[in-house]
Amino acid sequence: MTDIFSLVAPFFGLILLGYGAAHLFGRRDGAGPARPGLEGMAWLNVYILYLALPSLFFTLISRTPIHELTRFDFILADVAATYSVFTLIFVVALWFRRAPLAEATVQGLAAAYGNIGYMGPGLALLALGERAAVPVALIFSVENVAHFIMAPALMAIAGSEKQNPARLALSVLRKILLHPFILATTIGVAAAAFQVQPPLAIRRLIEALAPTAAPCALFAMGVTLGLRPLRRAPVELTYIVPAKLLLHPAVMYLVLSAAGNFEPIWVQAAVLLAALPTATNVFVIAEQYGVWQERASATILITTALSMLSVTGLLYLIGSGGVPADLFP
């Protein structure tokens, strides 16, 4: 157990350092211009989003045999598991909590959209090794495409998006195709397929950027959480938190076991990513459409704090053999 704690401590430690730095040095309540607020995160987020994480994905995927990048059975199983959790919470919010469609959409995303961008790659690669890079990249790319389609489509139905259908579809398609993570994954797949690598100078630049992705992303996540103070714990957390931290990884495990005989590292990577806390992008979506913002921020903060225990426990189970690759051999 000590080894597992030593493994996850740096990751959650970086989040805590960012959170502490935000409280010590950040401006949260309009206290004046001398202390940085969320606007001070803009360039760091640009670096993470457009340079560091894409470099990490390209570096790992471009070195992977092409046949491993076309496991459509794995992709379909992963999306089915994630969106079964989304559908459950969406229905609970819509029918039992009588939430508007837009709020139910954000609640569903809060339970199904894990922090697979900032936390996922670094934690999975450190815990499971470089062989986890391919399933992590596939999960990230496919799930983000699904979320980028689902959110604006449901918001359009809810009346929160005023664009006409053709313009909305074009906007969604552009966001998908031009997303830096997906572009990096696509270029990496092409490089793997044709067995080519960039020139040495560019390759060294990419390899210098890639290791900085996880620490910068986790610190930025902590700062963002610290600058959005938790004013109250909404009642919706009573079902969203267990759905995200417990139900999502359990469903992922069951679906992958039932779907086929995948390599153990693929199953473990998918379950680990499913167990991650709610993504900060859920708050971004809530803010964009003006719904459920404060409660989305509270969900991210609380799931992140509790995931220190749940993710540590999951990694202990994986390391001790408590998560066999297939429940139905």
C-alpha atoms as a PDB file:
ATOM      1  CA  MET A   1       0.000   0.000   0.000  1.00  0.00           C
ATOM      2  CA  THR A   2       2.941   2.308   0.693  1.00  0.00           C
ATOM      3  CA  ASP A   3       4.120   1.859  -2.889  1.00  0.00           C
ATOM      4  CA  ILE A   4       0.670   2.777  -4.224  1.00  0.00           C
ATOM      5  CA  PHE A   5       0.539   5.878  -2.038  1.00  0.00           C
ATOM      6  CA  SER A   6       4.005   6.872  -3.232  1.00  0.00           C
ATOM      7  CA  LEU A   7       2.745   6.480  -6.807  1.00  0.00           C
ATOM      8  CA  VAL A   8      -0.357   8.696  -6.519  1.00  0.00           C
ATOM      9  CA  ALA A   9       0.988  11.192  -3.970  1.00  0.00           C
ATOM     10  CA  PRO A  10       2.905  13.288  -6.539  1.00  0.00           C
ATOM     11  CA  PHE A  11      -0.194  13.599  -8.722  1.00  0.00           C
ATOM     12  CA  PHE A  12      -2.565  14.680  -6.003  1.00  0.00           C
ATOM     13  CA  GLY A  13       0.282  16.618  -4.402  1.00  0.00           C
ATOM     14  CA  LEU A  14       0.560  18.770  -7.537  1.00  0.00           C
ATOM     15  CA  ILE A  15      -3.183  19.450  -7.404  1.00  0.00           C
ATOM     16  CA  LEU A  16      -2.905  20.391  -3.720  1.00  0.00           C
ATOM     17  CA  LEU A  17       0.073  22.651  -4.436  1.00  0.00           C
ATOM     18  CA  GLY A  18      -1.934  24.452  -7.113  1.00  0.00           C
ATOM     19  CA  TYR A  19      -4.922  24.697  -4.782  1.00  0.00           C
ATOM     20  CA  GLY A  20      -2.749  26.072  -1.987  1.00  0.00           C
ATOM     21  CA  ALA A  21      -1.018  28.531  -4.311  1.00  0.00           C
ATOM     22  CA  ALA A  22      -4.405  29.832  -5.437  1.00  0.00           C
ATOM     23  CA  HIS A  23      -5.435  30.466  -1.830  1.00  0.00           C
ATOM     24  CA  LEU A  24      -2.118  32.075  -0.901  1.00  0.00           C
ATOM     25  CA  PHE A  25      -1.514  34.192  -3.968  1.00  0.00           C
ATOM     26  CA  GLY A  26      -4.721  34.231  -5.992  1.00  0.00           C
ATOM     27  CA  ARG A  27      -7.497  36.786  -6.296  1.00  0.00           C
ATOM     28  CA  ARG A  28     -10.898  35.145  -5.893  1.00  0.00           C
ATOM     29  CA  ASP A  29     -13.306  37.877  -4.811  1.00  0.00           C
ATOM     30  CA  GLY A  30     -12.288  40.959  -6.757  1.00  0.00           C
ATOM     31  CA  ALA A  31      -9.681  41.843  -4.154  1.00  0.00           C
ATOM     32  CA  GLY A  32      -7.637  43.959  -6.544  1.00  0.00           C
ATOM     33  CA  PRO A  33      -5.305  43.670  -9.496  1.00  0.00           C
ATOM     34  CA  ALA A  34      -2.109  42.950  -7.567  1.00  0.00           C
ATOM     35  CA  ARG A  35      -2.983  39.260  -7.144  1.00  0.00           C
ATOM     36  CA  PRO A  36      -3.580  36.989 -10.166  1.00  0.00           C
ATOM     37  CA  GLY A  37      -7.032  35.588 -10.844  1.00  0.00           C
ATOM     38  CA  LEU A  38      -8.232  32.947 -13.285  1.00  0.00           C
ATOM     39  CA  GLU A  39      -7.216  35.156 -16.199  1.00  0.00           C
ATOM     40  CA  GLY A  40      -3.622  34.548 -15.123  1.00  0.00           C
ATOM     41  CA  MET A  41      -4.051  30.877 -16.044  1.00  0.00           C
ATOM     42  CA  ALA A  42      -4.714  31.612 -19.713  1.00  0.00           C
ATOM     43  CA  TRP A  43      -1.167  31.177 -21.062  1.00  0.00           C
ATOM     44  CA  LEU A  44      -0.445  28.120 -18.940  1.00  0.00           C
ATOM     45  CA  ASN A  45      -3.624  26.519 -20.255  1.00  0.00           C
ATOM     46  CA  VAL A  46      -2.574  27.397 -23.816  1.00  0.00           C
ATOM     47  CA  TYR A  47       0.773  25.704 -23.212  1.00  0.00           C
ATOM     48  CA  ILE A  48      -0.895  22.578 -21.770  1.00  0.00           C
ATOM     49  CA  LEU A  49      -3.692  22.349 -24.333  1.00  0.00           C
ATOM     50  CA  TYR A  50      -1.822  23.208 -27.523  1.00  0.00           C
ATOM     51  CA  LEU A  51       1.761  22.094 -26.856  1.00  0.00           C
ATOM     52  CA  ALA A  52       2.496  19.785 -23.919  1.00  0.00           C
ATOM     53  CA  LEU A  53      -0.345  17.240 -23.988  1.00  0.00           C
ATOM     54  CA  PRO A  54      -0.467  16.984 -27.813  1.00  0.00           C
ATOM     55  CA  SER A  55       3.290  16.338 -27.760  1.00  0.00           C
ATOM     56  CA  LEU A  56       2.794  13.575 -25.208  1.00  0.00           C
ATOM     57  CA  PHE A  57       0.069  11.896 -27.264  1.00  0.00           C
ATOM     58  CA  PHE A  58       2.025  12.136 -30.518  1.00  0.00           C
ATOM     59  CA  THR A  59       5.215  10.789 -28.968  1.00  0.00           C
ATOM     60  CA  LEU A  60       3.527   7.702 -27.571  1.00  0.00           C
ATOM     61  CA  ILE A  61       1.079   6.926 -30.378  1.00  0.00           C
ATOM     62  CA  SER A  62       3.509   7.383 -33.258  1.00  0.00           C
ATOM     63  CA  ARG A  63       5.637   4.564 -31.839  1.00  0.00           C
ATOM     64  CA  THR A  64       2.721   2.135 -31.528  1.00  0.00           C
ATOM     65  CA  PRO A  65       2.015  -0.653 -34.059  1.00  0.00           C
ATOM     66  CA  ILE A  66      -0.905   0.409 -36.241  1.00  0.00           C
ATOM     67  CA  HIS A  67      -2.982  -2.716 -35.551  1.00  0.00           C
ATOM     68  CA  GLU A  68      -3.253  -1.687 -31.898  1.00  0.00           C
ATOM     69  CA  LEU A  69      -4.767   1.659 -32.892  1.00  0.00           C
ATOM     70  CA  THR A  70      -7.778   0.170 -34.683  1.00  0.00           C
ATOM     71  CA  ARG A  71      -9.465  -1.790 -31.887  1.00  0.00           C
ATOM     72  CA  PHE A  72     -13.029  -0.753 -32.662  1.00  0.00           C
ATOM     73  CA  ASP A  73     -14.438  -3.392 -30.296  1.00  0.00           C
ATOM     74  CA  PHE A  74     -12.607  -1.709 -27.435  1.00  0.00           C
ATOM     75  CA  ILE A  75     -13.733   1.762 -28.515  1.00  0.00           C
ATOM     76  CA  LEU A  76     -17.403   0.747 -28.770  1.00  0.00           C
ATOM     77  CA  ALA A  77     -17.312  -0.993 -25.389  1.00  0.00           C
ATOM     78  CA  ASP A  78     -15.730   2.031 -23.718  1.00  0.00           C
ATOM     79  CA  VAL A  79     -18.277   4.490 -25.148  1.00  0.00           C
ATOM     80  CA  ALA A  80     -21.159   2.163 -24.268  1.00  0.00           C
ATOM     81  CA  ALA A  81     -20.009   1.982 -20.637  1.00  0.00           C
ATOM     82  CA  THR A  82     -19.463   5.733 -20.301  1.00  0.00           C
ATOM     83  CA  TYR A  83     -22.750   6.697 -21.905  1.00  0.00           C
ATOM     84  CA  SER A  84     -24.756   4.181 -19.909  1.00  0.00           C
ATOM     85  CA  VAL A  85     -23.647   6.127 -16.812  1.00  0.00           C
ATOM     86  CA  PHE A  86     -24.422   9.440 -18.549  1.00  0.00           C
ATOM     87  CA  THR A  87     -27.912   8.198 -19.495  1.00  0.00           C
ATOM     88  CA  LEU A  88     -28.659   6.968 -15.980  1.00  0.00           C
ATOM     89  CA  ILE A  89     -27.781  10.278 -14.298  1.00  0.00           C
ATOM     90  CA  PHE A  90     -29.426  12.271 -17.098  1.00  0.00           C
ATOM     91  CA  VAL A  91     -32.693  10.370 -16.531  1.00  0.00           C
ATOM     92  CA  VAL A  92     -32.433  10.695 -12.735  1.00  0.00           C
ATOM     93  CA  ALA A  93     -31.951  14.460 -13.050  1.00  0.00           C
ATOM     94  CA  LEU A  94     -34.657  14.903 -15.685  1.00  0.00           C
ATOM     95  CA  TRP A  95     -37.392  12.685 -14.304  1.00  0.00           C
ATOM     96  CA  PHE A  96     -36.758  12.357 -10.571  1.00  0.00           C
ATOM     97  CA  ARG A  97     -35.189  15.731  -9.807  1.00  0.00           C
ATOM     98  CA  ARG A  98     -37.366  17.545 -12.406  1.00  0.00           C
ATOM     99  CA  ALA A  99     -34.292  19.405 -13.661  1.00  0.00           C
ATOM    100  CA  PRO A 100     -34.455  21.284 -16.976  1.00  0.00           C
ATOM    101  CA  LEU A 101     -32.910  19.509 -19.961  1.00  0.00           C
ATOM    102  CA  ALA A 102     -29.808  21.733 -19.954  1.00  0.00           C
ATOM    103  CA  GLU A 103     -29.107  21.070 -16.255  1.00  0.00           C
ATOM    104  CA  ALA A 104     -29.717  17.343 -16.691  1.00  0.00           C
ATOM    105  CA  THR A 105     -27.146  17.363 -19.494  1.00  0.00           C
ATOM    106  CA  VAL A 106     -24.474  18.933 -17.284  1.00  0.00           C
ATOM    107  CA  GLN A 107     -25.301  16.513 -14.451  1.00  0.00           C
ATOM    108  CA  GLY A 108     -24.933  13.572 -16.826  1.00  0.00           C
ATOM    109  CA  LEU A 109     -21.562  14.880 -18.002  1.00  0.00           C
ATOM    110  CA  ALA A 110     -20.464  15.406 -14.382  1.00  0.00           C
ATOM    111  CA  ALA A 111     -20.981  11.674 -13.774  1.00  0.00           C
ATOM    112  CA  ALA A 112     -19.525  10.414 -17.065  1.00  0.00           C
ATOM    113  CA  TYR A 113     -16.841  12.921 -18.144  1.00  0.00           C
ATOM    114  CA  GLY A 114     -13.712  12.128 -16.162  1.00  0.00           C
ATOM    115  CA  ASN A 115     -10.508  14.140 -16.000  1.00  0.00           C
ATOM    116  CA  ILE A 116      -8.972  12.020 -18.758  1.00  0.00           C
ATOM    117  CA  GLY A 117      -7.008  14.922 -20.235  1.00  0.00           C
ATOM    118  CA  TYR A 118      -5.160  16.457 -17.298  1.00  0.00           C
ATOM    119  CA  MET A 119      -4.897  13.490 -14.918  1.00  0.00           C
ATOM    120  CA  GLY A 120      -5.360  10.493 -17.187  1.00  0.00           C
ATOM    121  CA  PRO A 121      -2.180  10.236 -19.283  1.00  0.00           C
ATOM    122  CA  GLY A 122       0.345  10.947 -16.543  1.00  0.00           C
ATOM    123  CA  LEU A 123      -1.296   8.760 -13.903  1.00  0.00           C
ATOM    124  CA  ALA A 124      -1.975   5.823 -16.246  1.00  0.00           C
ATOM    125  CA  LEU A 125       1.517   5.847 -17.732  1.00  0.00           C
ATOM    126  CA  LEU A 126       3.203   6.038 -14.349  1.00  0.00           C
ATOM    127  CA  ALA A 127       0.960   3.392 -12.778  1.00  0.00           C
ATOM    128  CA  LEU A 128       0.660   0.986 -15.716  1.00  0.00           C
ATOM    129  CA  GLY A 129       3.640   1.769 -17.957  1.00  0.00           C
ATOM    130  CA  GLU A 130       4.006   2.997 -21.528  1.00  0.00           C
ATOM    131  CA  ARG A 131       1.874   0.142 -22.881  1.00  0.00           C
ATOM    132  CA  ALA A 132      -1.127   2.011 -21.466  1.00  0.00           C
ATOM    133  CA  ALA A 133      -0.527   4.901 -23.877  1.00  0.00           C
ATOM    134  CA  VAL A 134      -2.615   3.478 -26.726  1.00  0.00           C
ATOM    135  CA  PRO A 135      -5.829   2.736 -24.778  1.00  0.00           C
ATOM    136  CA  VAL A 136      -5.485   6.061 -22.952  1.00  0.00           C
ATOM    137  CA  ALA A 137      -5.161   7.985 -26.221  1.00  0.00           C
ATOM    138  CA  LEU A 138      -8.050   6.101 -27.815  1.00  0.00           C
ATOM    139  CA  ILE A 139     -10.302   6.676 -24.821  1.00  0.00           C
ATOM    140  CA  PHE A 140      -9.412  10.337 -24.666  1.00  0.00           C
ATOM    141  CA  SER A 141      -9.990  10.993 -28.349  1.00  0.00           C
ATOM    142  CA  VAL A 142     -13.205   9.012 -28.732  1.00  0.00           C
ATOM    143  CA  GLU A 143     -14.837  10.116 -25.469  1.00  0.00           C
ATOM    144  CA  ASN A 144     -14.031  13.763 -26.103  1.00  0.00           C
ATOM    145  CA  VAL A 145     -15.540  13.536 -29.578  1.00  0.00           C
ATOM    146  CA  ALA A 146     -18.662  11.999 -28.035  1.00  0.00           C
ATOM    147  CA  HIS A 147     -18.875  14.692 -25.341  1.00  0.00           C
ATOM    148  CA  PHE A 148     -18.226  17.508 -27.836  1.00  0.00           C
ATOM    149  CA  ILE A 149     -21.139  16.205 -29.922  1.00  0.00           C
ATOM    150  CA  MET A 150     -23.511  15.382 -27.067  1.00  0.00           C
ATOM    151  CA  ALA A 151     -23.275  18.650 -25.122  1.00  0.00           C
ATOM    152  CA  PRO A 152     -24.068  21.154 -27.917  1.00  0.00           C
ATOM    153  CA  ALA A 153     -26.677  18.827 -29.437  1.00  0.00           C
ATOM    154  CA  LEU A 154     -28.655  18.512 -26.187  1.00  0.00           C
ATOM    155  CA  MET A 155     -28.182  22.206 -25.402  1.00  0.00           C
ATOM    156  CA  ALA A 156     -29.572  23.016 -28.828  1.00  0.00           C
ATOM    157  CA  ILE A 157     -32.627  20.873 -28.090  1.00  0.00           C
ATOM    158  CA  ALA A 158     -32.953  22.627 -24.725  1.00  0.00           C
ATOM    159  CA  GLY A 159     -32.947  25.996 -26.469  1.00  0.00           C
ATOM    160  CA  SER A 160     -29.698  27.161 -24.895  1.00  0.00           C
ATOM    161  CA  GLU A 161     -27.964  27.363 -28.262  1.00  0.00           C
ATOM    162  CA  LYS A 162     -29.484  29.862 -30.713  1.00  0.00           C
ATOM    163  CA  GLN A 163     -27.642  28.765 -33.863  1.00  0.00           C
ATOM    164  CA  ASN A 164     -29.521  27.160 -36.720  1.00  0.00           C
ATOM    165  CA  PRO A 165     -28.976  23.374 -37.080  1.00  0.00           C
ATOM    166  CA  ALA A 166     -26.577  23.592 -40.060  1.00  0.00           C
ATOM    167  CA  ARG A 167     -24.386  26.208 -38.392  1.00  0.00           C
ATOM    168  CA  LEU A 168     -24.465  24.271 -35.119  1.00  0.00           C
ATOM    169  CA  ALA A 169     -23.407  21.056 -36.882  1.00  0.00           C
ATOM    170  CA  LEU A 170     -20.559  22.895 -38.629  1.00  0.00           C
ATOM    171  CA  SER A 171     -19.426  24.441 -35.350  1.00  0.00           C
ATOM    172  CA  VAL A 172     -19.424  21.055 -33.586  1.00  0.00           C
ATOM    173  CA  LEU A 173     -17.526  19.425 -36.482  1.00  0.00           C
ATOM    174  CA  ARG A 174     -14.919  22.201 -36.467  1.00  0.00           C
ATOM    175  CA  LYS A 175     -14.367  21.864 -32.709  1.00  0.00           C
ATOM    176  CA  ILE A 176     -13.876  18.125 -33.091  1.00  0.00           C
ATOM    177  CA  LEU A 177     -11.545  18.181 -36.089  1.00  0.00           C
ATOM    178  CA  LEU A 178      -9.422  21.082 -34.844  1.00  0.00           C
ATOM    179  CA  HIS A 179      -9.087  20.026 -31.211  1.00  0.00           C
ATOM    180  CA  PRO A 180      -5.318  19.833 -30.519  1.00  0.00           C
ATOM    181  CA  PHE A 181      -5.510  16.477 -28.713  1.00  0.00           C
ATOM    182  CA  ILE A 182      -7.427  14.877 -31.559  1.00  0.00           C
ATOM    183  CA  LEU A 183      -5.137  16.459 -34.167  1.00  0.00           C
ATOM    184  CA  ALA A 184      -2.093  15.101 -32.321  1.00  0.00           C
ATOM    185  CA  THR A 185      -3.669  11.661 -32.079  1.00  0.00           C
ATOM    186  CA  THR A 186      -4.551  11.677 -35.800  1.00  0.00           C
ATOM    187  CA  ILE A 187      -1.034  12.726 -36.813  1.00  0.00           C
ATOM    188  CA  GLY A 188       0.407  10.130 -34.454  1.00  0.00           C
ATOM    189  CA  VAL A 189      -1.745   7.406 -36.032  1.00  0.00           C
ATOM    190  CA  ALA A 190      -0.578   8.496 -39.496  1.00  0.00           C
ATOM    191  CA  ALA A 191       3.056   8.422 -38.375  1.00  0.00           C
ATOM    192  CA  ALA A 192       2.558   4.934 -36.953  1.00  0.00           C
ATOM    193  CA  ALA A 193       0.795   3.727 -40.111  1.00  0.00           C
ATOM    194  CA  PHE A 194       3.532   4.958 -42.463  1.00  0.00           C
ATOM    195  CA  GLN A 195       6.347   4.386 -39.951  1.00  0.00           C
ATOM    196  CA  VAL A 196       7.721   7.911 -40.235  1.00  0.00           C
ATOM    197  CA  GLN A 197       9.067  10.283 -37.602  1.00  0.00           C
ATOM    198  CA  PRO A 198       9.612  14.068 -37.747  1.00  0.00           C
ATOM    199  CA  PRO A 199      13.117  15.492 -38.297  1.00  0.00           C
ATOM    200  CA  LEU A 200      15.498  15.177 -35.367  1.00  0.00           C
ATOM    201  CA  ALA A 201      15.267  18.834 -34.250  1.00  0.00           C
ATOM    202  CA  ILE A 202      11.436  18.742 -34.167  1.00  0.00           C
ATOM    203  CA  ARG A 203      11.437  15.338 -32.496  1.00  0.00           C
ATOM    204  CA  ARG A 204      13.695  16.624 -29.728  1.00  0.00           C
ATOM    205  CA  LEU A 205      11.426  19.629 -29.212  1.00  0.00           C
ATOM    206  CA  ILE A 206       8.398  17.351 -28.941  1.00  0.00           C
ATOM    207  CA  GLU A 207      10.217  15.062 -26.527  1.00  0.00           C
ATOM    208  CA  ALA A 208      11.154  18.076 -24.388  1.00  0.00           C
ATOM    209  CA  LEU A 209       7.530  19.244 -24.240  1.00  0.00           C
ATOM    210  CA  ALA A 210       5.920  15.867 -23.503  1.00  0.00           C
ATOM    211  CA  PRO A 211       7.241  15.280 -19.922  1.00  0.00           C
ATOM    212  CA  THR A 212       5.960  18.683 -18.793  1.00  0.00           C
ATOM    213  CA  ALA A 213       2.332  17.854 -19.633  1.00  0.00           C
ATOM    214  CA  ALA A 214       1.238  16.086 -16.465  1.00  0.00           C
ATOM    215  CA  PRO A 215       2.838  18.377 -13.817  1.00  0.00           C
ATOM    216  CA  CYS A 216       1.666  21.571 -15.521  1.00  0.00           C
ATOM    217  CA  ALA A 217      -1.836  20.218 -16.094  1.00  0.00           C
ATOM    218  CA  LEU A 218      -2.277  19.000 -12.516  1.00  0.00           C
ATOM    219  CA  PHE A 219      -0.961  22.241 -11.005  1.00  0.00           C
ATOM    220  CA  ALA A 220      -3.267  24.253 -13.283  1.00  0.00           C
ATOM    221  CA  MET A 221      -6.182  22.091 -12.225  1.00  0.00           C
ATOM    222  CA  GLY A 222      -5.440  22.770  -8.547  1.00  0.00           C
ATOM    223  CA  VAL A 223      -5.210  26.525  -9.133  1.00  0.00           C
ATOM    224  CA  THR A 224      -8.503  26.521 -11.031  1.00  0.00           C
ATOM    225  CA  LEU A 225     -10.235  24.645  -8.219  1.00  0.00           C
ATOM    226  CA  GLY A 226      -8.719  26.967  -5.621  1.00  0.00           C
ATOM    227  CA  LEU A 227      -9.980  30.075  -7.385  1.00  0.00           C
ATOM    228  CA  ARG A 228     -13.537  28.753  -7.478  1.00  0.00           C
ATOM    229  CA  PRO A 229     -14.495  28.554  -3.784  1.00  0.00           C
ATOM    230  CA  LEU A 230     -17.093  25.990  -2.680  1.00  0.00           C
ATOM    231  CA  ARG A 231     -20.019  27.861  -1.158  1.00  0.00           C
ATOM    232  CA  ARG A 232     -22.363  24.918  -0.617  1.00  0.00           C
ATOM    233  CA  ALA A 233     -22.591  21.213  -1.433  1.00  0.00           C
ATOM    234  CA  PRO A 234     -25.588  20.672  -3.728  1.00  0.00           C
ATOM    235  CA  VAL A 235     -27.931  17.757  -3.047  1.00  0.00           C
ATOM    236  CA  GLU A 236     -27.226  16.372  -6.536  1.00  0.00           C
ATOM    237  CA  LEU A 237     -23.794  15.317  -5.321  1.00  0.00           C
ATOM    238  CA  THR A 238     -25.423  12.497  -3.344  1.00  0.00           C
ATOM    239  CA  TYR A 239     -25.904  10.576  -6.577  1.00  0.00           C
ATOM    240  CA  ILE A 240     -23.368  12.179  -8.946  1.00  0.00           C
ATOM    241  CA  VAL A 241     -20.286  11.561  -6.761  1.00  0.00           C
ATOM    242  CA  PRO A 242     -20.849   7.796  -6.276  1.00  0.00           C
ATOM    243  CA  ALA A 243     -21.829   7.491  -9.938  1.00  0.00           C
ATOM    244  CA  LYS A 244     -18.556   9.085 -11.071  1.00  0.00           C
ATOM    245  CA  LEU A 245     -16.108   7.530  -8.638  1.00  0.00           C
ATOM    246  CA  LEU A 246     -17.668   4.079  -8.118  1.00  0.00           C
ATOM    247  CA  LEU A 247     -20.350   3.271 -10.675  1.00  0.00           C
ATOM    248  CA  HIS A 248     -18.479   4.466 -13.767  1.00  0.00           C
ATOM    249  CA  PRO A 249     -15.376   2.281 -13.201  1.00  0.00           C
ATOM    250  CA  ALA A 250     -17.560  -0.676 -12.162  1.00  0.00           C
ATOM    251  CA  VAL A 251     -19.686  -0.437 -15.307  1.00  0.00           C
ATOM    252  CA  MET A 252     -16.563  -0.007 -17.449  1.00  0.00           C
ATOM    253  CA  TYR A 253     -15.088  -3.167 -15.955  1.00  0.00           C
ATOM    254  CA  LEU A 254     -18.264  -5.187 -16.482  1.00  0.00           C
ATOM    255  CA  VAL A 255     -18.787  -4.009 -20.065  1.00  0.00           C
ATOM    256  CA  LEU A 256     -15.179  -4.642 -21.125  1.00  0.00           C
ATOM    257  CA  SER A 257     -15.275  -8.082 -19.516  1.00  0.00           C
ATOM    258  CA  ALA A 258     -18.479  -8.945 -21.364  1.00  0.00           C
ATOM    259  CA  ALA A 259     -17.382  -7.418 -24.701  1.00  0.00           C
ATOM    260  CA  GLY A 260     -14.268  -9.443 -25.405  1.00  0.00           C
ATOM    261  CA  ASN A 261     -10.839 -10.658 -24.397  1.00  0.00           C
ATOM    262  CA  PHE A 262      -8.797  -7.471 -24.150  1.00  0.00           C
ATOM    263  CA  GLU A 263      -5.252  -7.251 -22.893  1.00  0.00           C
ATOM    264  CA  PRO A 264      -5.123  -6.721 -19.112  1.00  0.00           C
ATOM    265  CA  ILE A 265      -3.348  -3.371 -19.506  1.00  0.00           C
ATOM    266  CA  TRP A 266      -6.180  -2.076 -21.731  1.00  0.00           C
ATOM    267  CA  VAL A 267      -8.851  -3.084 -19.241  1.00  0.00           C
ATOM    268  CA  GLN A 268      -6.905  -1.625 -16.323  1.00  0.00           C
ATOM    269  CA  ALA A 269      -6.287   1.647 -18.178  1.00  0.00           C
ATOM    270  CA  ALA A 270      -9.960   2.013 -19.097  1.00  0.00           C
ATOM    271  CA  VAL A 271     -11.132   1.288 -15.544  1.00  0.00           C
ATOM    272  CA  LEU A 272      -8.554   3.689 -14.103  1.00  0.00           C
ATOM    273  CA  LEU A 273      -9.639   6.502 -16.444  1.00  0.00           C
ATOM    274  CA  ALA A 274     -13.296   5.817 -15.628  1.00  0.00           C
ATOM    275  CA  ALA A 275     -12.481   6.204 -11.914  1.00  0.00           C
ATOM    276  CA  LEU A 276     -11.025   9.702 -12.324  1.00  0.00           C
ATOM    277  CA  PRO A 277     -12.915  12.708 -10.910  1.00  0.00           C
ATOM    278  CA  THR A 278     -15.168  14.995 -12.925  1.00  0.00           C
ATOM    279  CA  ALA A 279     -13.327  16.886 -15.659  1.00  0.00           C
ATOM    280  CA  THR A 280     -12.861  20.637 -15.383  1.00  0.00           C
ATOM    281  CA  ASN A 281     -14.348  20.811 -18.895  1.00  0.00           C
ATOM    282  CA  VAL A 282     -17.735  20.147 -17.303  1.00  0.00           C
ATOM    283  CA  PHE A 283     -17.515  23.530 -15.604  1.00  0.00           C
ATOM    284  CA  VAL A 284     -16.417  25.083 -18.906  1.00  0.00           C
ATOM    285  CA  ILE A 285     -19.512  23.633 -20.602  1.00  0.00           C
ATOM    286  CA  ALA A 286     -21.754  24.789 -17.745  1.00  0.00           C
ATOM    287  CA  GLU A 287     -20.251  28.278 -17.928  1.00  0.00           C
ATOM    288  CA  GLN A 288     -20.596  28.401 -21.721  1.00  0.00           C
ATOM    289  CA  TYR A 289     -24.317  27.692 -21.572  1.00  0.00           C
ATOM    290  CA  GLY A 290     -25.021  29.519 -18.304  1.00  0.00           C
ATOM    291  CA  VAL A 291     -26.430  26.514 -16.408  1.00  0.00           C
ATOM    292  CA  TRP A 292     -25.449  24.735 -13.190  1.00  0.00           C
ATOM    293  CA  GLN A 293     -22.096  26.571 -12.954  1.00  0.00           C
ATOM    294  CA  GLU A 294     -21.575  26.744  -9.191  1.00  0.00           C
ATOM    295  CA  ARG A 295     -22.762  23.171  -8.659  1.00  0.00           C
ATOM    296  CA  ALA A 296     -20.511  21.941 -11.478  1.00  0.00           C
ATOM    297  CA  SER A 297     -17.549  23.607  -9.750  1.00  0.00           C
ATOM    298  CA  ALA A 298     -18.525  21.967  -6.447  1.00  0.00           C
ATOM    299  CA  THR A 299     -18.782  18.572  -8.147  1.00  0.00           C
ATOM    300  CA  ILE A 300     -15.275  18.893  -9.593  1.00  0.00           C
ATOM    301  CA  LEU A 301     -13.803  19.943  -6.249  1.00  0.00           C
ATOM    302  CA  ILE A 302     -15.459  17.202  -4.197  1.00  0.00           C
ATOM    303  CA  THR A 303     -14.880  14.355  -6.659  1.00  0.00           C
ATOM    304  CA  THR A 304     -11.240  15.404  -6.968  1.00  0.00           C
ATOM    305  CA  ALA A 305     -10.776  15.389  -3.195  1.00  0.00           C
ATOM    306  CA  LEU A 306     -12.515  12.032  -2.723  1.00  0.00           C
ATOM    307  CA  SER A 307     -10.709  10.457  -5.672  1.00  0.00           C
ATOM    308  CA  MET A 308      -7.502  10.595  -3.634  1.00  0.00           C
ATOM    309  CA  LEU A 309      -8.982   7.683  -1.690  1.00  0.00           C
ATOM    310  CA  SER A 310     -10.920   5.913  -4.445  1.00  0.00           C
ATOM    311  CA  VAL A 311      -8.137   6.011  -7.058  1.00  0.00           C
ATOM    312  CA  THR A 312      -5.562   4.898  -4.496  1.00  0.00           C
ATOM    313  CA  GLY A 313      -7.832   1.985  -3.558  1.00  0.00           C
ATOM    314  CA  LEU A 314      -8.337   1.038  -7.206  1.00  0.00           C
ATOM    315  CA  LEU A 315      -4.601   1.083  -7.915  1.00  0.00           C
ATOM    316  CA  TYR A 316      -4.068  -1.142  -4.885  1.00  0.00           C
ATOM    317  CA  LEU A 317      -6.622  -3.615  -6.261  1.00  0.00           C
ATOM    318  CA  ILE A 318      -4.964  -3.560  -9.680  1.00  0.00           C
ATOM    319  CA  GLY A 319      -1.500  -4.046  -8.201  1.00  0.00           C
ATOM    320  CA  SER A 320      -2.616  -6.915  -5.944  1.00  0.00           C
ATOM    321  CA  GLY A 321      -4.454  -8.747  -8.719  1.00  0.00           C
ATOM    322  CA  GLY A 322      -7.904  -7.818  -7.427  1.00  0.00           C
ATOM    323  CA  VAL A 323      -8.966  -6.656 -10.899  1.00  0.00           C
ATOM    324  CA  PRO A 324      -8.536  -9.627 -13.288  1.00  0.00           C
ATOM    325  CA  ALA A 325      -8.529  -8.750 -16.961  1.00  0.00           C
ATOM    326  CA  ASP A 326     -11.731 -10.658 -17.677  1.00  0.00           C
ATOM    327  CA  LEU A 327     -14.575 -11.538 -15.310  1.00  0.00           C
ATOM    328  CA  PHE A 328     -16.036 -13.917 -17.892  1.00  0.00           C
ATOM    329  CA  PRO A 329     -13.090 -15.862 -19.359  1.00  0.00           C
END
